[in-house]
Amino acid sequence: MINTFKFYSVLLNLLYFTISHQHSFVNNFFIERAKNILNDQFSLIPHYVAEKLAVKEIVSCNQITSRFGLVLSEKAAVALANTRKEVLEKVGRIEFAGGVINKIIMEFCDSPYLSQFNYEESLHELIETFYYFKNETLDEIDDDELIAFMKKSFDKTCQGSIDLLQTRDLENLARKVRFGITDFVNSNEDLEGIFEEDLKEINDNEEEYYEWSHIFSGENYYDGLF
């Protein structure tokens, strides 16, 4: 039964991706109608059943995460499932059952920066972050690879800061994808090379601006005019 859920999840994501990239050919009205059909008509699983499955899968992770002192209550699992549902609607994606939430939990549970105190809150932020950057990276990175990148950055370069993870590491990753860099993890040098000339031009322009700004704002300059 779970395999059937995953099959339809992949199928519907593929159909939605195809529809959502036809803005130049299909009227927005029909795009929205198609989204509604995918959400309401093609789903063979009632939403409440899918949510119950998601909550059950999330709670089952406690068997592993408890070894690291991290446990989620059923109430917390429901809240995480609701966060996922809200984010999916916001970013225009479709997914059934727990799926990604479980992967995030299992990947991050051994992080030295997570404790029972910040565990649930961090998961909410990580779920939102994952789906947002899944779109920003144009679906070029599969779920496992993106989650692994998030974990590595979270533990190392970001030292437990989700804000740095979002605004620096994942933003850089999204830029690499847009520039067609395929070595997502080891290509910081390539990314810097792409922007090097642009940054130099920007810096030169800024220096010139401040130089002239200083000249024009000086009292001696205006005294000579009048």
C-alpha atoms as a PDB file:
ATOM      1  CA  MET A   1       0.000   0.000   0.000  1.00  0.00           C
ATOM      2  CA  ILE A   2       2.829   2.408   0.862  1.00  0.00           C
ATOM      3  CA  ASN A   3       4.460   1.664  -2.489  1.00  0.00           C
ATOM      4  CA  THR A   4       1.227   2.687  -4.190  1.00  0.00           C
ATOM      5  CA  PHE A   5       1.297   5.974  -2.256  1.00  0.00           C
ATOM      6  CA  LYS A   6       4.855   6.644  -3.390  1.00  0.00           C
ATOM      7  CA  PHE A   7       4.007   5.791  -6.996  1.00  0.00           C
ATOM      8  CA  TYR A   8       1.157   8.290  -7.121  1.00  0.00           C
ATOM      9  CA  SER A   9       3.250  10.873  -5.292  1.00  0.00           C
ATOM     10  CA  VAL A  10       5.938  10.681  -7.995  1.00  0.00           C
ATOM     11  CA  LEU A  11       3.338  10.660 -10.757  1.00  0.00           C
ATOM     12  CA  LEU A  12       1.473  13.688  -9.451  1.00  0.00           C
ATOM     13  CA  ASN A  13       4.671  15.640  -8.836  1.00  0.00           C
ATOM     14  CA  LEU A  14       5.680  14.949 -12.438  1.00  0.00           C
ATOM     15  CA  LEU A  15       2.296  16.038 -13.776  1.00  0.00           C
ATOM     16  CA  TYR A  16       2.307  19.183 -11.650  1.00  0.00           C
ATOM     17  CA  PHE A  17       5.873  20.059 -12.697  1.00  0.00           C
ATOM     18  CA  THR A  18       4.880  19.734 -16.364  1.00  0.00           C
ATOM     19  CA  ILE A  19       1.805  21.911 -15.933  1.00  0.00           C
ATOM     20  CA  SER A  20       3.472  24.575 -13.826  1.00  0.00           C
ATOM     21  CA  HIS A  21       6.166  25.146 -16.465  1.00  0.00           C
ATOM     22  CA  GLN A  22       3.744  25.939 -19.273  1.00  0.00           C
ATOM     23  CA  HIS A  23       3.024  29.569 -18.352  1.00  0.00           C
ATOM     24  CA  SER A  24       3.864  30.818 -21.821  1.00  0.00           C
ATOM     25  CA  PHE A  25       1.457  28.375 -23.456  1.00  0.00           C
ATOM     26  CA  VAL A  26      -1.395  27.855 -21.020  1.00  0.00           C
ATOM     27  CA  ASN A  27      -3.633  30.441 -19.442  1.00  0.00           C
ATOM     28  CA  ASN A  28      -3.126  30.863 -15.676  1.00  0.00           C
ATOM     29  CA  PHE A  29      -6.755  29.972 -15.109  1.00  0.00           C
ATOM     30  CA  PHE A  30      -6.266  26.527 -16.597  1.00  0.00           C
ATOM     31  CA  ILE A  31      -3.047  26.055 -14.624  1.00  0.00           C
ATOM     32  CA  GLU A  32      -4.887  26.724 -11.379  1.00  0.00           C
ATOM     33  CA  ARG A  33      -7.677  24.406 -12.436  1.00  0.00           C
ATOM     34  CA  ALA A  34      -5.163  21.689 -13.184  1.00  0.00           C
ATOM     35  CA  LYS A  35      -3.569  22.144  -9.762  1.00  0.00           C
ATOM     36  CA  ASN A  36      -6.961  21.760  -8.114  1.00  0.00           C
ATOM     37  CA  ILE A  37      -7.670  18.612 -10.094  1.00  0.00           C
ATOM     38  CA  LEU A  38      -4.343  17.102  -9.052  1.00  0.00           C
ATOM     39  CA  ASN A  39      -4.943  17.971  -5.419  1.00  0.00           C
ATOM     40  CA  ASP A  40      -8.598  16.999  -5.169  1.00  0.00           C
ATOM     41  CA  GLN A  41      -9.501  14.527  -7.888  1.00  0.00           C
ATOM     42  CA  PHE A  42      -6.385  12.466  -8.550  1.00  0.00           C
ATOM     43  CA  SER A  43      -5.631  11.791  -4.910  1.00  0.00           C
ATOM     44  CA  LEU A  44      -6.793   8.241  -4.234  1.00  0.00           C
ATOM     45  CA  ILE A  45      -5.912   8.640  -0.546  1.00  0.00           C
ATOM     46  CA  PRO A  46      -8.159  10.772   1.685  1.00  0.00           C
ATOM     47  CA  HIS A  47      -6.167  13.627   3.224  1.00  0.00           C
ATOM     48  CA  TYR A  48      -6.888  12.574   6.787  1.00  0.00           C
ATOM     49  CA  VAL A  49      -5.574   9.065   6.050  1.00  0.00           C
ATOM     50  CA  ALA A  50      -2.382  10.473   4.516  1.00  0.00           C
ATOM     51  CA  GLU A  51      -1.875  12.718   7.538  1.00  0.00           C
ATOM     52  CA  LYS A  52      -2.360   9.820   9.943  1.00  0.00           C
ATOM     53  CA  LEU A  53       0.202   7.810   8.024  1.00  0.00           C
ATOM     54  CA  ALA A  54       2.606  10.734   8.149  1.00  0.00           C
ATOM     55  CA  VAL A  55       2.199  11.147  11.920  1.00  0.00           C
ATOM     56  CA  LYS A  56       2.695   7.415  12.476  1.00  0.00           C
ATOM     57  CA  GLU A  57       5.882   7.421  10.396  1.00  0.00           C
ATOM     58  CA  ILE A  58       7.236  10.459  12.251  1.00  0.00           C
ATOM     59  CA  VAL A  59       6.575   8.964  15.692  1.00  0.00           C
ATOM     60  CA  SER A  60       8.210   5.693  14.624  1.00  0.00           C
ATOM     61  CA  CYS A  61      11.492   7.595  14.236  1.00  0.00           C
ATOM     62  CA  ASN A  62      11.653   7.834  18.039  1.00  0.00           C
ATOM     63  CA  GLN A  63      13.008   4.293  18.102  1.00  0.00           C
ATOM     64  CA  ILE A  64      16.238   5.615  16.589  1.00  0.00           C
ATOM     65  CA  THR A  65      16.340   9.259  17.721  1.00  0.00           C
ATOM     66  CA  SER A  66      15.800   8.356  21.391  1.00  0.00           C
ATOM     67  CA  ARG A  67      19.394   7.069  21.385  1.00  0.00           C
ATOM     68  CA  PHE A  68      20.437  10.694  20.953  1.00  0.00           C
ATOM     69  CA  GLY A  69      17.999  11.988  23.579  1.00  0.00           C
ATOM     70  CA  LEU A  70      15.533  13.260  20.978  1.00  0.00           C
ATOM     71  CA  VAL A  71      11.865  12.253  21.135  1.00  0.00           C
ATOM     72  CA  LEU A  72       8.728  13.627  19.488  1.00  0.00           C
ATOM     73  CA  SER A  73       5.268  13.328  20.987  1.00  0.00           C
ATOM     74  CA  GLU A  74       2.272  12.539  18.800  1.00  0.00           C
ATOM     75  CA  LYS A  75       1.187  16.169  19.206  1.00  0.00           C
ATOM     76  CA  ALA A  76       4.578  17.339  17.938  1.00  0.00           C
ATOM     77  CA  ALA A  77       4.363  14.886  15.021  1.00  0.00           C
ATOM     78  CA  VAL A  78       0.952  16.300  14.062  1.00  0.00           C
ATOM     79  CA  ALA A  79       2.385  19.815  14.166  1.00  0.00           C
ATOM     80  CA  LEU A  80       5.271  18.802  11.897  1.00  0.00           C
ATOM     81  CA  ALA A  81       2.871  17.154   9.456  1.00  0.00           C
ATOM     82  CA  ASN A  82       0.804  20.355   9.418  1.00  0.00           C
ATOM     83  CA  THR A  83       3.911  22.430   8.752  1.00  0.00           C
ATOM     84  CA  ARG A  84       4.757  20.183   5.827  1.00  0.00           C
ATOM     85  CA  LYS A  85       1.214  20.507   4.475  1.00  0.00           C
ATOM     86  CA  GLU A  86       1.283  24.314   4.726  1.00  0.00           C
ATOM     87  CA  VAL A  87       4.691  24.583   3.081  1.00  0.00           C
ATOM     88  CA  LEU A  88       3.691  22.249   0.254  1.00  0.00           C
ATOM     89  CA  GLU A  89       0.679  24.424  -0.468  1.00  0.00           C
ATOM     90  CA  LYS A  90       2.812  27.568  -0.312  1.00  0.00           C
ATOM     91  CA  VAL A  91       5.475  26.317  -2.723  1.00  0.00           C
ATOM     92  CA  GLY A  92       3.035  24.425  -4.965  1.00  0.00           C
ATOM     93  CA  ARG A  93       4.232  20.876  -4.431  1.00  0.00           C
ATOM     94  CA  ILE A  94       2.418  17.563  -3.834  1.00  0.00           C
ATOM     95  CA  GLU A  95       3.578  14.802  -1.510  1.00  0.00           C
ATOM     96  CA  PHE A  96       1.957  11.938   0.360  1.00  0.00           C
ATOM     97  CA  ALA A  97       2.814  10.423   3.767  1.00  0.00           C
ATOM     98  CA  GLY A  98       5.797  11.473   5.902  1.00  0.00           C
ATOM     99  CA  GLY A  99       8.543  10.898   3.382  1.00  0.00           C
ATOM    100  CA  VAL A 100      10.909  13.847   3.622  1.00  0.00           C
ATOM    101  CA  ILE A 101      10.178  14.560   7.287  1.00  0.00           C
ATOM    102  CA  ASN A 102      11.445  11.113   8.231  1.00  0.00           C
ATOM    103  CA  LYS A 103      14.571  11.582   6.134  1.00  0.00           C
ATOM    104  CA  ILE A 104      15.307  14.936   7.766  1.00  0.00           C
ATOM    105  CA  ILE A 105      14.776  13.464  11.229  1.00  0.00           C
ATOM    106  CA  MET A 106      17.031  10.494  10.600  1.00  0.00           C
ATOM    107  CA  GLU A 107      19.747  12.614   8.981  1.00  0.00           C
ATOM    108  CA  PHE A 108      19.845  15.325  11.640  1.00  0.00           C
ATOM    109  CA  CYS A 109      19.215  13.313  14.828  1.00  0.00           C
ATOM    110  CA  ASP A 110      22.937  12.843  15.571  1.00  0.00           C
ATOM    111  CA  SER A 111      23.784  16.530  15.147  1.00  0.00           C
ATOM    112  CA  PRO A 112      25.671  17.972  18.129  1.00  0.00           C
ATOM    113  CA  TYR A 113      23.642  21.154  17.730  1.00  0.00           C
ATOM    114  CA  LEU A 114      20.276  19.508  18.395  1.00  0.00           C
ATOM    115  CA  SER A 115      18.881  18.803  21.840  1.00  0.00           C
ATOM    116  CA  GLN A 116      15.440  17.962  23.152  1.00  0.00           C
ATOM    117  CA  PHE A 117      15.062  21.673  23.916  1.00  0.00           C
ATOM    118  CA  ASN A 118      15.366  22.873  20.290  1.00  0.00           C
ATOM    119  CA  TYR A 119      14.559  19.638  18.449  1.00  0.00           C
ATOM    120  CA  GLU A 120      10.954  20.233  17.382  1.00  0.00           C
ATOM    121  CA  GLU A 121      11.456  23.906  16.538  1.00  0.00           C
ATOM    122  CA  SER A 122      14.507  23.088  14.436  1.00  0.00           C
ATOM    123  CA  LEU A 123      12.601  20.405  12.524  1.00  0.00           C
ATOM    124  CA  HIS A 124       9.870  22.892  11.610  1.00  0.00           C
ATOM    125  CA  GLU A 125      12.492  25.261  10.202  1.00  0.00           C
ATOM    126  CA  LEU A 126      14.374  22.490   8.408  1.00  0.00           C
ATOM    127  CA  ILE A 127      11.181  21.212   6.756  1.00  0.00           C
ATOM    128  CA  GLU A 128      10.348  24.703   5.499  1.00  0.00           C
ATOM    129  CA  THR A 129      13.935  25.186   4.361  1.00  0.00           C
ATOM    130  CA  PHE A 130      14.016  21.891   2.486  1.00  0.00           C
ATOM    131  CA  TYR A 131      10.898  22.513   0.406  1.00  0.00           C
ATOM    132  CA  TYR A 132      11.799  26.117  -0.342  1.00  0.00           C
ATOM    133  CA  PHE A 133      15.230  25.184  -1.648  1.00  0.00           C
ATOM    134  CA  LYS A 134      13.881  22.127  -3.422  1.00  0.00           C
ATOM    135  CA  ASN A 135      12.160  24.668  -5.649  1.00  0.00           C
ATOM    136  CA  GLU A 136      15.115  27.078  -5.696  1.00  0.00           C
ATOM    137  CA  THR A 137      17.408  24.313  -6.931  1.00  0.00           C
ATOM    138  CA  LEU A 138      14.932  23.567  -9.735  1.00  0.00           C
ATOM    139  CA  ASP A 139      14.516  19.928  -8.656  1.00  0.00           C
ATOM    140  CA  GLU A 140      18.017  19.252 -10.023  1.00  0.00           C
ATOM    141  CA  ILE A 141      19.053  17.724  -6.676  1.00  0.00           C
ATOM    142  CA  ASP A 142      17.263  14.688  -5.316  1.00  0.00           C
ATOM    143  CA  ASP A 143      15.836  14.660  -1.798  1.00  0.00           C
ATOM    144  CA  ASP A 144      18.603  12.618  -0.201  1.00  0.00           C
ATOM    145  CA  GLU A 145      21.369  14.712  -1.712  1.00  0.00           C
ATOM    146  CA  LEU A 146      19.779  17.989  -0.650  1.00  0.00           C
ATOM    147  CA  ILE A 147      19.170  16.755   2.898  1.00  0.00           C
ATOM    148  CA  ALA A 148      22.743  15.450   3.125  1.00  0.00           C
ATOM    149  CA  PHE A 149      24.045  18.841   1.974  1.00  0.00           C
ATOM    150  CA  MET A 150      21.877  20.608   4.557  1.00  0.00           C
ATOM    151  CA  LYS A 151      23.147  18.356   7.351  1.00  0.00           C
ATOM    152  CA  LYS A 152      26.803  18.731   6.400  1.00  0.00           C
ATOM    153  CA  SER A 153      26.515  22.516   6.220  1.00  0.00           C
ATOM    154  CA  PHE A 154      24.448  22.697   9.418  1.00  0.00           C
ATOM    155  CA  ASP A 155      27.043  20.765  11.421  1.00  0.00           C
ATOM    156  CA  LYS A 156      30.188  22.259   9.882  1.00  0.00           C
ATOM    157  CA  THR A 157      30.173  25.663   8.216  1.00  0.00           C
ATOM    158  CA  CYS A 158      26.955  26.895   9.864  1.00  0.00           C
ATOM    159  CA  GLN A 159      27.692  25.441  13.319  1.00  0.00           C
ATOM    160  CA  GLY A 160      24.027  24.826  14.034  1.00  0.00           C
ATOM    161  CA  SER A 161      22.667  28.078  12.580  1.00  0.00           C
ATOM    162  CA  ILE A 162      19.649  27.499  10.348  1.00  0.00           C
ATOM    163  CA  ASP A 163      19.722  31.172   9.402  1.00  0.00           C
ATOM    164  CA  LEU A 164      23.241  30.799   7.966  1.00  0.00           C
ATOM    165  CA  LEU A 165      22.192  27.571   6.296  1.00  0.00           C
ATOM    166  CA  GLN A 166      19.353  29.371   4.505  1.00  0.00           C
ATOM    167  CA  THR A 167      20.950  32.704   3.656  1.00  0.00           C
ATOM    168  CA  ARG A 168      24.457  31.569   2.807  1.00  0.00           C
ATOM    169  CA  ASP A 169      25.098  27.887   2.078  1.00  0.00           C
ATOM    170  CA  LEU A 170      21.793  26.999   0.423  1.00  0.00           C
ATOM    171  CA  GLU A 171      21.621  30.296  -1.450  1.00  0.00           C
ATOM    172  CA  ASN A 172      25.076  29.551  -2.841  1.00  0.00           C
ATOM    173  CA  LEU A 173      23.945  26.057  -3.739  1.00  0.00           C
ATOM    174  CA  ALA A 174      20.937  27.445  -5.622  1.00  0.00           C
ATOM    175  CA  ARG A 175      23.231  29.818  -7.541  1.00  0.00           C
ATOM    176  CA  LYS A 176      25.477  26.939  -8.536  1.00  0.00           C
ATOM    177  CA  VAL A 177      22.503  25.027  -9.878  1.00  0.00           C
ATOM    178  CA  ARG A 178      21.343  28.036 -11.896  1.00  0.00           C
ATOM    179  CA  PHE A 179      24.851  28.414 -13.350  1.00  0.00           C
ATOM    180  CA  GLY A 180      24.916  24.755 -14.310  1.00  0.00           C
ATOM    181  CA  ILE A 181      27.606  23.671 -11.838  1.00  0.00           C
ATOM    182  CA  THR A 182      27.079  19.972 -11.247  1.00  0.00           C
ATOM    183  CA  ASP A 183      29.577  19.411  -8.421  1.00  0.00           C
ATOM    184  CA  PHE A 184      27.311  20.945  -5.818  1.00  0.00           C
ATOM    185  CA  VAL A 185      29.461  20.209  -2.777  1.00  0.00           C
ATOM    186  CA  ASN A 186      33.010  20.939  -3.968  1.00  0.00           C
ATOM    187  CA  SER A 187      32.610  23.860  -6.350  1.00  0.00           C
ATOM    188  CA  ASN A 188      32.979  26.986  -4.202  1.00  0.00           C
ATOM    189  CA  GLU A 189      36.028  27.951  -6.241  1.00  0.00           C
ATOM    190  CA  ASP A 190      34.036  27.713  -9.491  1.00  0.00           C
ATOM    191  CA  LEU A 191      31.263  29.857  -8.063  1.00  0.00           C
ATOM    192  CA  GLU A 192      33.734  32.493  -6.891  1.00  0.00           C
ATOM    193  CA  GLY A 193      35.300  32.531 -10.345  1.00  0.00           C
ATOM    194  CA  ILE A 194      31.954  33.235 -11.986  1.00  0.00           C
ATOM    195  CA  PHE A 195      31.327  36.310  -9.834  1.00  0.00           C
ATOM    196  CA  GLU A 196      34.925  37.523  -9.549  1.00  0.00           C
ATOM    197  CA  GLU A 197      34.806  39.966 -12.473  1.00  0.00           C
ATOM    198  CA  ASP A 198      31.324  41.202 -11.575  1.00  0.00           C
ATOM    199  CA  LEU A 199      32.371  41.797  -7.975  1.00  0.00           C
ATOM    200  CA  LYS A 200      35.469  43.689  -9.097  1.00  0.00           C
ATOM    201  CA  GLU A 201      33.347  45.910 -11.345  1.00  0.00           C
ATOM    202  CA  ILE A 202      30.884  46.564  -8.519  1.00  0.00           C
ATOM    203  CA  ASN A 203      33.689  47.425  -6.102  1.00  0.00           C
ATOM    204  CA  ASP A 204      35.321  49.755  -8.621  1.00  0.00           C
ATOM    205  CA  ASN A 205      32.017  51.526  -9.226  1.00  0.00           C
ATOM    206  CA  GLU A 206      31.398  51.880  -5.501  1.00  0.00           C
ATOM    207  CA  GLU A 207      34.848  53.386  -4.945  1.00  0.00           C
ATOM    208  CA  GLU A 208      34.293  55.845  -7.794  1.00  0.00           C
ATOM    209  CA  TYR A 209      30.850  56.743  -6.424  1.00  0.00           C
ATOM    210  CA  TYR A 210      32.159  57.465  -2.936  1.00  0.00           C
ATOM    211  CA  GLU A 211      35.061  59.492  -4.340  1.00  0.00           C
ATOM    212  CA  TRP A 212      32.761  61.759  -6.366  1.00  0.00           C
ATOM    213  CA  SER A 213      30.208  61.853  -3.568  1.00  0.00           C
ATOM    214  CA  HIS A 214      32.876  63.152  -1.219  1.00  0.00           C
ATOM    215  CA  ILE A 215      33.948  65.804  -3.723  1.00  0.00           C
ATOM    216  CA  PHE A 216      30.402  67.047  -4.422  1.00  0.00           C
ATOM    217  CA  SER A 217      29.410  67.084  -0.769  1.00  0.00           C
ATOM    218  CA  GLY A 218      32.419  69.208   0.307  1.00  0.00           C
ATOM    219  CA  GLU A 219      31.875  72.821   1.246  1.00  0.00           C
ATOM    220  CA  ASN A 220      34.876  73.966  -0.811  1.00  0.00           C
ATOM    221  CA  TYR A 221      33.273  72.572  -3.986  1.00  0.00           C
ATOM    222  CA  TYR A 222      30.074  74.525  -3.509  1.00  0.00           C
ATOM    223  CA  ASP A 223      31.936  77.675  -2.420  1.00  0.00           C
ATOM    224  CA  GLY A 224      33.705  77.721  -5.764  1.00  0.00           C
ATOM    225  CA  LEU A 225      30.399  77.616  -7.660  1.00  0.00           C
ATOM    226  CA  PHE A 226      28.729  80.652  -6.116  1.00  0.00           C
END
